[in-house]
Amino acid sequence: MDVAQVFILVGIIVIIGFLGSYLFRKTGIPDVIILILLGALVGPVLNLVERSVLISVAPIFAALAITVILFDGGLNLNLYLVLKESPRAVFI
């Protein structure tokens, strides 16, 4: 899989994630469930994507996902609440 295909795949995943988030706001069905079902449909059921291709790019997607999750968590962090609750957290 070359670089262009990886970028196209990432773009498609982002668009599907955005649509899943939109559907969540409208229906209340979590977007993660939609993404999991779509992944199962595209992979094992319809065999549109080969397993060897996904295994080769899985570490890249995992690192990207962790980076985005941690960045989003840092942006939504309430520093005053962290400082207020830190003595209790240290005790635990």
PDB file of N, CA and C in Angstrom:
ATOM      1  N   MET A   1       0.857  -1.169   0.000  1.00  0.00           N
ATOM      2  CA  MET A   1       0.000   0.000   0.000  1.00  0.00           C
ATOM      3  C   MET A   1       0.901   1.229   0.000  1.00  0.00           C
ATOM      4  N   ASP A   2       0.701   2.098  -0.972  1.00  0.00           N
ATOM      5  CA  ASP A   2       1.545   3.285  -1.050  1.00  0.00           C
ATOM      6  C   ASP A   2       0.941   4.432  -0.230  1.00  0.00           C
ATOM      7  N   VAL A   3       1.671   5.529  -0.200  1.00  0.00           N
ATOM      8  CA  VAL A   3       1.297   6.662   0.643  1.00  0.00           C
ATOM      9  C   VAL A   3      -0.041   7.269   0.225  1.00  0.00           C
ATOM     10  N   ALA A   4      -0.298   7.364  -1.052  1.00  0.00           N
ATOM     11  CA  ALA A   4      -1.556   7.957  -1.530  1.00  0.00           C
ATOM     12  C   ALA A   4      -2.756   7.137  -1.069  1.00  0.00           C
ATOM     13  N   GLN A   5      -2.637   5.823  -1.124  1.00  0.00           N
ATOM     14  CA  GLN A   5      -3.741   4.974  -0.677  1.00  0.00           C
ATOM     15  C   GLN A   5      -3.976   5.101   0.819  1.00  0.00           C
ATOM     16  N   VAL A   6      -2.905   5.259   1.586  1.00  0.00           N
ATOM     17  CA  VAL A   6      -3.047   5.440   3.034  1.00  0.00           C
ATOM     18  C   VAL A   6      -3.772   6.745   3.323  1.00  0.00           C
ATOM     19  N   PHE A   7      -3.413   7.822   2.631  1.00  0.00           N
ATOM     20  CA  PHE A   7      -4.086   9.100   2.846  1.00  0.00           C
ATOM     21  C   PHE A   7      -5.553   9.044   2.423  1.00  0.00           C
ATOM     22  N   ILE A   8      -5.831   8.355   1.348  1.00  0.00           N
ATOM     23  CA  ILE A   8      -7.223   8.202   0.912  1.00  0.00           C
ATOM     24  C   ILE A   8      -8.004   7.414   1.955  1.00  0.00           C
ATOM     25  N   LEU A   9      -7.412   6.349   2.482  1.00  0.00           N
ATOM     26  CA  LEU A   9      -8.070   5.545   3.509  1.00  0.00           C
ATOM     27  C   LEU A   9      -8.312   6.354   4.780  1.00  0.00           C
ATOM     28  N   VAL A  10      -7.336   7.150   5.190  1.00  0.00           N
ATOM     29  CA  VAL A  10      -7.514   8.010   6.368  1.00  0.00           C
ATOM     30  C   VAL A  10      -8.623   9.024   6.120  1.00  0.00           C
ATOM     31  N   GLY A  11      -8.665   9.607   4.936  1.00  0.00           N
ATOM     32  CA  GLY A  11      -9.721  10.569   4.602  1.00  0.00           C
ATOM     33  C   GLY A  11     -11.102   9.941   4.633  1.00  0.00           C
ATOM     34  N   ILE A  12     -11.210   8.737   4.115  1.00  0.00           N
ATOM     35  CA  ILE A  12     -12.498   8.041   4.127  1.00  0.00           C
ATOM     36  C   ILE A  12     -12.920   7.738   5.561  1.00  0.00           C
ATOM     37  N   ILE A  13     -11.969   7.317   6.393  1.00  0.00           N
ATOM     38  CA  ILE A  13     -12.281   7.025   7.791  1.00  0.00           C
ATOM     39  C   ILE A  13     -12.735   8.280   8.522  1.00  0.00           C
ATOM     40  N   VAL A  14     -12.096   9.415   8.251  1.00  0.00           N
ATOM     41  CA  VAL A  14     -12.491  10.675   8.894  1.00  0.00           C
ATOM     42  C   VAL A  14     -13.898  11.074   8.455  1.00  0.00           C
ATOM     43  N   ILE A  15     -14.195  10.935   7.178  1.00  0.00           N
ATOM     44  CA  ILE A  15     -15.537  11.283   6.677  1.00  0.00           C
ATOM     45  C   ILE A  15     -16.588  10.370   7.300  1.00  0.00           C
ATOM     46  N   ILE A  16     -16.306   9.079   7.375  1.00  0.00           N
ATOM     47  CA  ILE A  16     -17.251   8.145   7.978  1.00  0.00           C
ATOM     48  C   ILE A  16     -17.426   8.464   9.467  1.00  0.00           C
ATOM     49  N   GLY A  17     -16.353   8.822  10.142  1.00  0.00           N
ATOM     50  CA  GLY A  17     -16.444   9.210  11.549  1.00  0.00           C
ATOM     51  C   GLY A  17     -17.290  10.459  11.739  1.00  0.00           C
ATOM     52  N   PHE A  18     -17.135  11.435  10.847  1.00  0.00           N
ATOM     53  CA  PHE A  18     -17.949  12.643  10.915  1.00  0.00           C
ATOM     54  C   PHE A  18     -19.424  12.315  10.701  1.00  0.00           C
ATOM     55  N   LEU A  19     -19.698  11.476   9.713  1.00  0.00           N
ATOM     56  CA  LEU A  19     -21.087  11.079   9.462  1.00  0.00           C
ATOM     57  C   LEU A  19     -21.650  10.278  10.635  1.00  0.00           C
ATOM     58  N   GLY A  20     -20.827   9.436  11.262  1.00  0.00           N
ATOM     59  CA  GLY A  20     -21.262   8.692  12.436  1.00  0.00           C
ATOM     60  C   GLY A  20     -21.585   9.611  13.594  1.00  0.00           C
ATOM     61  N   SER A  21     -20.772  10.652  13.771  1.00  0.00           N
ATOM     62  CA  SER A  21     -21.036  11.633  14.823  1.00  0.00           C
ATOM     63  C   SER A  21     -22.337  12.395  14.552  1.00  0.00           C
ATOM     64  N   TYR A  22     -22.563  12.713  13.291  1.00  0.00           N
ATOM     65  CA  TYR A  22     -23.811  13.398  12.915  1.00  0.00           C
ATOM     66  C   TYR A  22     -25.019  12.506  13.186  1.00  0.00           C
ATOM     67  N   LEU A  23     -24.910  11.225  12.819  1.00  0.00           N
ATOM     68  CA  LEU A  23     -25.998  10.283  13.083  1.00  0.00           C
ATOM     69  C   LEU A  23     -26.222  10.101  14.586  1.00  0.00           C
ATOM     70  N   PHE A  24     -25.142  10.159  15.371  1.00  0.00           N
ATOM     71  CA  PHE A  24     -25.288  10.046  16.822  1.00  0.00           C
ATOM     72  C   PHE A  24     -26.108  11.204  17.375  1.00  0.00           C
ATOM     73  N   ARG A  25     -25.830  12.402  16.880  1.00  0.00           N
ATOM     74  CA  ARG A  25     -26.605  13.566  17.354  1.00  0.00           C
ATOM     75  C   ARG A  25     -28.071  13.464  16.967  1.00  0.00           C
ATOM     76  N   LYS A  26     -28.356  12.859  15.828  1.00  0.00           N
ATOM     77  CA  LYS A  26     -29.741  12.761  15.357  1.00  0.00           C
ATOM     78  C   LYS A  26     -30.485  11.568  15.955  1.00  0.00           C
ATOM     79  N   THR A  27     -29.810  10.412  16.086  1.00  0.00           N
ATOM     80  CA  THR A  27     -30.502   9.193  16.486  1.00  0.00           C
ATOM     81  C   THR A  27     -30.176   8.718  17.895  1.00  0.00           C
ATOM     82  N   GLY A  28     -29.022   9.077  18.417  1.00  0.00           N
ATOM     83  CA  GLY A  28     -28.611   8.597  19.727  1.00  0.00           C
ATOM     84  C   GLY A  28     -27.823   7.303  19.674  1.00  0.00           C
ATOM     85  N   ILE A  29     -27.625   6.733  18.471  1.00  0.00           N
ATOM     86  CA  ILE A  29     -26.811   5.529  18.319  1.00  0.00           C
ATOM     87  C   ILE A  29     -25.338   5.953  18.331  1.00  0.00           C
ATOM     88  N   PRO A  30     -24.528   5.395  19.225  1.00  0.00           N
ATOM     89  CA  PRO A  30     -23.117   5.813  19.314  1.00  0.00           C
ATOM     90  C   PRO A  30     -22.378   5.612  18.000  1.00  0.00           C
ATOM     91  N   ASP A  31     -21.533   6.565  17.657  1.00  0.00           N
ATOM     92  CA  ASP A  31     -20.796   6.499  16.399  1.00  0.00           C
ATOM     93  C   ASP A  31     -19.770   5.369  16.382  1.00  0.00           C
ATOM     94  N   VAL A  32     -19.297   4.972  17.548  1.00  0.00           N
ATOM     95  CA  VAL A  32     -18.328   3.872  17.612  1.00  0.00           C
ATOM     96  C   VAL A  32     -18.969   2.575  17.122  1.00  0.00           C
ATOM     97  N   ILE A  33     -20.225   2.356  17.482  1.00  0.00           N
ATOM     98  CA  ILE A  33     -20.920   1.149  17.027  1.00  0.00           C
ATOM     99  C   ILE A  33     -21.061   1.162  15.510  1.00  0.00           C
ATOM    100  N   ILE A  34     -21.373   2.317  14.951  1.00  0.00           N
ATOM    101  CA  ILE A  34     -21.492   2.441  13.496  1.00  0.00           C
ATOM    102  C   ILE A  34     -20.155   2.136  12.827  1.00  0.00           C
ATOM    103  N   LEU A  35     -19.059   2.663  13.380  1.00  0.00           N
ATOM    104  CA  LEU A  35     -17.744   2.420  12.804  1.00  0.00           C
ATOM    105  C   LEU A  35     -17.336   0.950  12.921  1.00  0.00           C
ATOM    106  N   ILE A  36     -17.639   0.317  14.049  1.00  0.00           N
ATOM    107  CA  ILE A  36     -17.306  -1.101  14.214  1.00  0.00           C
ATOM    108  C   ILE A  36     -18.089  -1.955  13.221  1.00  0.00           C
ATOM    109  N   LEU A  37     -19.383  -1.689  13.079  1.00  0.00           N
ATOM    110  CA  LEU A  37     -20.202  -2.453  12.138  1.00  0.00           C
ATOM    111  C   LEU A  37     -19.729  -2.252  10.700  1.00  0.00           C
ATOM    112  N   LEU A  38     -19.381  -1.014  10.361  1.00  0.00           N
ATOM    113  CA  LEU A  38     -18.880  -0.743   9.015  1.00  0.00           C
ATOM    114  C   LEU A  38     -17.546  -1.448   8.772  1.00  0.00           C
ATOM    115  N   GLY A  39     -16.671  -1.454   9.780  1.00  0.00           N
ATOM    116  CA  GLY A  39     -15.400  -2.156   9.655  1.00  0.00           C
ATOM    117  C   GLY A  39     -15.586  -3.647   9.485  1.00  0.00           C
ATOM    118  N   ALA A  40     -16.529  -4.224  10.227  1.00  0.00           N
ATOM    119  CA  ALA A  40     -16.803  -5.656  10.079  1.00  0.00           C
ATOM    120  C   ALA A  40     -17.395  -5.955   8.709  1.00  0.00           C
ATOM    121  N   LEU A  41     -18.212  -5.056   8.209  1.00  0.00           N
ATOM    122  CA  LEU A  41     -18.819  -5.247   6.896  1.00  0.00           C
ATOM    123  C   LEU A  41     -17.780  -5.167   5.782  1.00  0.00           C
ATOM    124  N   VAL A  42     -16.904  -4.181   5.856  1.00  0.00           N
ATOM    125  CA  VAL A  42     -15.895  -3.985   4.815  1.00  0.00           C
ATOM    126  C   VAL A  42     -14.817  -5.070   4.869  1.00  0.00           C
ATOM    127  N   GLY A  43     -14.452  -5.506   6.068  1.00  0.00           N
ATOM    128  CA  GLY A  43     -13.372  -6.479   6.204  1.00  0.00           C
ATOM    129  C   GLY A  43     -13.810  -7.918   6.009  1.00  0.00           C
ATOM    130  N   PRO A  44     -14.226  -8.573   7.076  1.00  0.00           N
ATOM    131  CA  PRO A  44     -14.512 -10.012   6.990  1.00  0.00           C
ATOM    132  C   PRO A  44     -15.730 -10.385   6.143  1.00  0.00           C
ATOM    133  N   VAL A  45     -16.748  -9.547   6.105  1.00  0.00           N
ATOM    134  CA  VAL A  45     -17.980  -9.933   5.414  1.00  0.00           C
ATOM    135  C   VAL A  45     -17.848  -9.793   3.900  1.00  0.00           C
ATOM    136  N   LEU A  46     -17.481  -8.601   3.425  1.00  0.00           N
ATOM    137  CA  LEU A  46     -17.403  -8.358   1.980  1.00  0.00           C
ATOM    138  C   LEU A  46     -16.011  -8.562   1.396  1.00  0.00           C
ATOM    139  N   ASN A  47     -15.001  -8.692   2.242  1.00  0.00           N
ATOM    140  CA  ASN A  47     -13.607  -8.867   1.812  1.00  0.00           C
ATOM    141  C   ASN A  47     -13.147  -7.773   0.849  1.00  0.00           C
ATOM    142  N   LEU A  48     -13.494  -6.529   1.124  1.00  0.00           N
ATOM    143  CA  LEU A  48     -13.053  -5.419   0.287  1.00  0.00           C
ATOM    144  C   LEU A  48     -11.616  -5.008   0.586  1.00  0.00           C
ATOM    145  N   VAL A  49     -11.165  -5.264   1.809  1.00  0.00           N
ATOM    146  CA  VAL A  49      -9.808  -4.911   2.213  1.00  0.00           C
ATOM    147  C   VAL A  49      -9.118  -6.182   2.680  1.00  0.00           C
ATOM    148  N   GLU A  50      -7.903  -6.398   2.189  1.00  0.00           N
ATOM    149  CA  GLU A  50      -7.157  -7.588   2.566  1.00  0.00           C
ATOM    150  C   GLU A  50      -6.569  -7.430   3.962  1.00  0.00           C
ATOM    151  N   ARG A  51      -6.519  -8.535   4.668  1.00  0.00           N
ATOM    152  CA  ARG A  51      -6.015  -8.522   6.038  1.00  0.00           C
ATOM    153  C   ARG A  51      -4.534  -8.120   6.087  1.00  0.00           C
ATOM    154  N   SER A  52      -3.739  -8.562   5.134  1.00  0.00           N
ATOM    155  CA  SER A  52      -2.301  -8.250   5.132  1.00  0.00           C
ATOM    156  C   SER A  52      -2.050  -6.754   4.968  1.00  0.00           C
ATOM    157  N   VAL A  53      -2.905  -6.098   4.214  1.00  0.00           N
ATOM    158  CA  VAL A  53      -2.768  -4.647   4.030  1.00  0.00           C
ATOM    159  C   VAL A  53      -3.050  -3.924   5.340  1.00  0.00           C
ATOM    160  N   LEU A  54      -4.088  -4.342   6.039  1.00  0.00           N
ATOM    161  CA  LEU A  54      -4.432  -3.698   7.301  1.00  0.00           C
ATOM    162  C   LEU A  54      -3.390  -3.952   8.381  1.00  0.00           C
ATOM    163  N   ILE A  55      -2.825  -5.138   8.375  1.00  0.00           N
ATOM    164  CA  ILE A  55      -1.794  -5.452   9.366  1.00  0.00           C
ATOM    165  C   ILE A  55      -0.566  -4.578   9.155  1.00  0.00           C
ATOM    166  N   SER A  56      -0.249  -4.258   7.907  1.00  0.00           N
ATOM    167  CA  SER A  56       0.932  -3.444   7.640  1.00  0.00           C
ATOM    168  C   SER A  56       0.747  -1.984   8.048  1.00  0.00           C
ATOM    169  N   VAL A  57      -0.488  -1.472   8.018  1.00  0.00           N
ATOM    170  CA  VAL A  57      -0.705  -0.066   8.383  1.00  0.00           C
ATOM    171  C   VAL A  57      -1.324   0.102   9.768  1.00  0.00           C
ATOM    172  N   ALA A  58      -1.601  -0.997  10.470  1.00  0.00           N
ATOM    173  CA  ALA A  58      -2.217  -0.914  11.795  1.00  0.00           C
ATOM    174  C   ALA A  58      -1.379  -0.122  12.800  1.00  0.00           C
ATOM    175  N   PRO A  59      -0.055  -0.284  12.863  1.00  0.00           N
ATOM    176  CA  PRO A  59       0.717   0.523  13.823  1.00  0.00           C
ATOM    177  C   PRO A  59       0.621   2.021  13.550  1.00  0.00           C
ATOM    178  N   ILE A  60       0.540   2.403  12.282  1.00  0.00           N
ATOM    179  CA  ILE A  60       0.423   3.827  11.945  1.00  0.00           C
ATOM    180  C   ILE A  60      -0.918   4.367  12.414  1.00  0.00           C
ATOM    181  N   PHE A  61      -1.998   3.624  12.145  1.00  0.00           N
ATOM    182  CA  PHE A  61      -3.322   4.061  12.578  1.00  0.00           C
ATOM    183  C   PHE A  61      -3.443   4.085  14.093  1.00  0.00           C
ATOM    184  N   ALA A  62      -2.823   3.122  14.768  1.00  0.00           N
ATOM    185  CA  ALA A  62      -2.881   3.089  16.228  1.00  0.00           C
ATOM    186  C   ALA A  62      -2.178   4.304  16.825  1.00  0.00           C
ATOM    187  N   ALA A  63      -1.002   4.629  16.309  1.00  0.00           N
ATOM    188  CA  ALA A  63      -0.276   5.803  16.807  1.00  0.00           C
ATOM    189  C   ALA A  63      -1.046   7.085  16.522  1.00  0.00           C
ATOM    190  N   LEU A  64      -1.636   7.174  15.347  1.00  0.00           N
ATOM    191  CA  LEU A  64      -2.427   8.355  14.996  1.00  0.00           C
ATOM    192  C   LEU A  64      -3.657   8.476  15.894  1.00  0.00           C
ATOM    193  N   ALA A  65      -4.327   7.357  16.154  1.00  0.00           N
ATOM    194  CA  ALA A  65      -5.522   7.380  17.006  1.00  0.00           C
ATOM    195  C   ALA A  65      -5.174   7.795  18.425  1.00  0.00           C
ATOM    196  N   ILE A  66      -4.099   7.262  18.976  1.00  0.00           N
ATOM    197  CA  ILE A  66      -3.689   7.631  20.333  1.00  0.00           C
ATOM    198  C   ILE A  66      -3.317   9.099  20.404  1.00  0.00           C
ATOM    199  N   THR A  67      -2.639   9.601  19.386  1.00  0.00           N
ATOM    200  CA  THR A  67      -2.264  11.013  19.347  1.00  0.00           C
ATOM    201  C   THR A  67      -3.491  11.905  19.339  1.00  0.00           C
ATOM    202  N   VAL A  68      -4.460  11.588  18.510  1.00  0.00           N
ATOM    203  CA  VAL A  68      -5.677  12.402  18.417  1.00  0.00           C
ATOM    204  C   VAL A  68      -6.473  12.341  19.722  1.00  0.00           C
ATOM    205  N   ILE A  69      -6.590  11.161  20.309  1.00  0.00           N
ATOM    206  CA  ILE A  69      -7.341  11.017  21.559  1.00  0.00           C
ATOM    207  C   ILE A  69      -6.684  11.804  22.681  1.00  0.00           C
ATOM    208  N   LEU A  70      -5.367  11.700  22.818  1.00  0.00           N
ATOM    209  CA  LEU A  70      -4.678  12.444  23.873  1.00  0.00           C
ATOM    210  C   LEU A  70      -4.720  13.948  23.637  1.00  0.00           C
ATOM    211  N   PHE A  71      -4.607  14.381  22.393  1.00  0.00           N
ATOM    212  CA  PHE A  71      -4.679  15.803  22.082  1.00  0.00           C
ATOM    213  C   PHE A  71      -6.061  16.354  22.421  1.00  0.00           C
ATOM    214  N   ASP A  72      -7.107  15.624  22.044  1.00  0.00           N
ATOM    215  CA  ASP A  72      -8.461  16.054  22.356  1.00  0.00           C
ATOM    216  C   ASP A  72      -8.690  16.080  23.863  1.00  0.00           C
ATOM    217  N   GLY A  73      -8.173  15.083  24.568  1.00  0.00           N
ATOM    218  CA  GLY A  73      -8.301  15.075  26.027  1.00  0.00           C
ATOM    219  C   GLY A  73      -7.587  16.253  26.662  1.00  0.00           C
ATOM    220  N   GLY A  74      -6.426  16.612  26.139  1.00  0.00           N
ATOM    221  CA  GLY A  74      -5.698  17.772  26.659  1.00  0.00           C
ATOM    222  C   GLY A  74      -6.421  19.076  26.400  1.00  0.00           C
ATOM    223  N   LEU A  75      -7.079  19.182  25.253  1.00  0.00           N
ATOM    224  CA  LEU A  75      -7.818  20.406  24.954  1.00  0.00           C
ATOM    225  C   LEU A  75      -9.046  20.573  25.858  1.00  0.00           C
ATOM    226  N   ASN A  76      -9.649  19.459  26.247  1.00  0.00           N
ATOM    227  CA  ASN A  76     -10.852  19.518  27.073  1.00  0.00           C
ATOM    228  C   ASN A  76     -10.556  19.388  28.563  1.00  0.00           C
ATOM    229  N   LEU A  77      -9.306  19.489  28.949  1.00  0.00           N
ATOM    230  CA  LEU A  77      -8.911  19.332  30.342  1.00  0.00           C
ATOM    231  C   LEU A  77      -9.193  20.615  31.116  1.00  0.00           C
ATOM    232  N   ASN A  78      -9.870  20.475  32.237  1.00  0.00           N
ATOM    233  CA  ASN A  78     -10.130  21.599  33.123  1.00  0.00           C
ATOM    234  C   ASN A  78      -9.047  21.589  34.189  1.00  0.00           C
ATOM    235  N   LEU A  79      -8.067  22.483  34.068  1.00  0.00           N
ATOM    236  CA  LEU A  79      -6.906  22.486  34.943  1.00  0.00           C
ATOM    237  C   LEU A  79      -7.290  22.748  36.396  1.00  0.00           C
ATOM    238  N   TYR A  80      -8.249  23.626  36.623  1.00  0.00           N
ATOM    239  CA  TYR A  80      -8.670  23.929  37.990  1.00  0.00           C
ATOM    240  C   TYR A  80      -9.305  22.706  38.654  1.00  0.00           C
ATOM    241  N   LEU A  81     -10.081  21.948  37.911  1.00  0.00           N
ATOM    242  CA  LEU A  81     -10.684  20.732  38.448  1.00  0.00           C
ATOM    243  C   LEU A  81      -9.617  19.680  38.735  1.00  0.00           C
ATOM    244  N   VAL A  82      -8.611  19.586  37.890  1.00  0.00           N
ATOM    245  CA  VAL A  82      -7.511  18.641  38.114  1.00  0.00           C
ATOM    246  C   VAL A  82      -6.776  18.989  39.398  1.00  0.00           C
ATOM    247  N   LEU A  83      -6.463  20.268  39.592  1.00  0.00           N
ATOM    248  CA  LEU A  83      -5.761  20.688  40.802  1.00  0.00           C
ATOM    249  C   LEU A  83      -6.623  20.480  42.047  1.00  0.00           C
ATOM    250  N   LYS A  84      -7.921  20.682  41.919  1.00  0.00           N
ATOM    251  CA  LYS A  84      -8.830  20.519  43.050  1.00  0.00           C
ATOM    252  C   LYS A  84      -8.932  19.050  43.465  1.00  0.00           C
ATOM    253  N   GLU A  85      -8.955  18.144  42.483  1.00  0.00           N
ATOM    254  CA  GLU A  85      -9.140  16.723  42.758  1.00  0.00           C
ATOM    255  C   GLU A  85      -7.832  15.955  42.923  1.00  0.00           C
ATOM    256  N   SER A  86      -6.696  16.571  42.680  1.00  0.00           N
ATOM    257  CA  SER A  86      -5.419  15.850  42.724  1.00  0.00           C
ATOM    258  C   SER A  86      -5.069  15.306  44.100  1.00  0.00           C
ATOM    259  N   PRO A  87      -5.333  15.988  45.226  1.00  0.00           N
ATOM    260  CA  PRO A  87      -5.005  15.370  46.522  1.00  0.00           C
ATOM    261  C   PRO A  87      -5.782  14.072  46.750  1.00  0.00           C
ATOM    262  N   ARG A  88      -7.019  14.035  46.366  1.00  0.00           N
ATOM    263  CA  ARG A  88      -7.826  12.819  46.496  1.00  0.00           C
ATOM    264  C   ARG A  88      -7.268  11.706  45.586  1.00  0.00           C
ATOM    265  N   ALA A  89      -6.872  12.080  44.373  1.00  0.00           N
ATOM    266  CA  ALA A  89      -6.336  11.085  43.432  1.00  0.00           C
ATOM    267  C   ALA A  89      -5.004  10.525  43.935  1.00  0.00           C
ATOM    268  N   VAL A  90      -4.178  11.360  44.534  1.00  0.00           N
ATOM    269  CA  VAL A  90      -2.894  10.889  45.076  1.00  0.00           C
ATOM    270  C   VAL A  90      -3.145   9.938  46.232  1.00  0.00           C
ATOM    271  N   PHE A  91      -4.133  10.254  47.046  1.00  0.00           N
ATOM    272  CA  PHE A  91      -4.459   9.390  48.173  1.00  0.00           C
ATOM    273  C   PHE A  91      -4.927   8.016  47.705  1.00  0.00           C
ATOM    274  N   ILE A  92      -5.714   7.986  46.640  1.00  0.00           N
ATOM    275  CA  ILE A  92      -6.221   6.722  46.115  1.00  0.00           C
ATOM    276  C   ILE A  92      -5.096   5.947  45.477  1.00  0.00           C
TER     277      ILE A  92
END
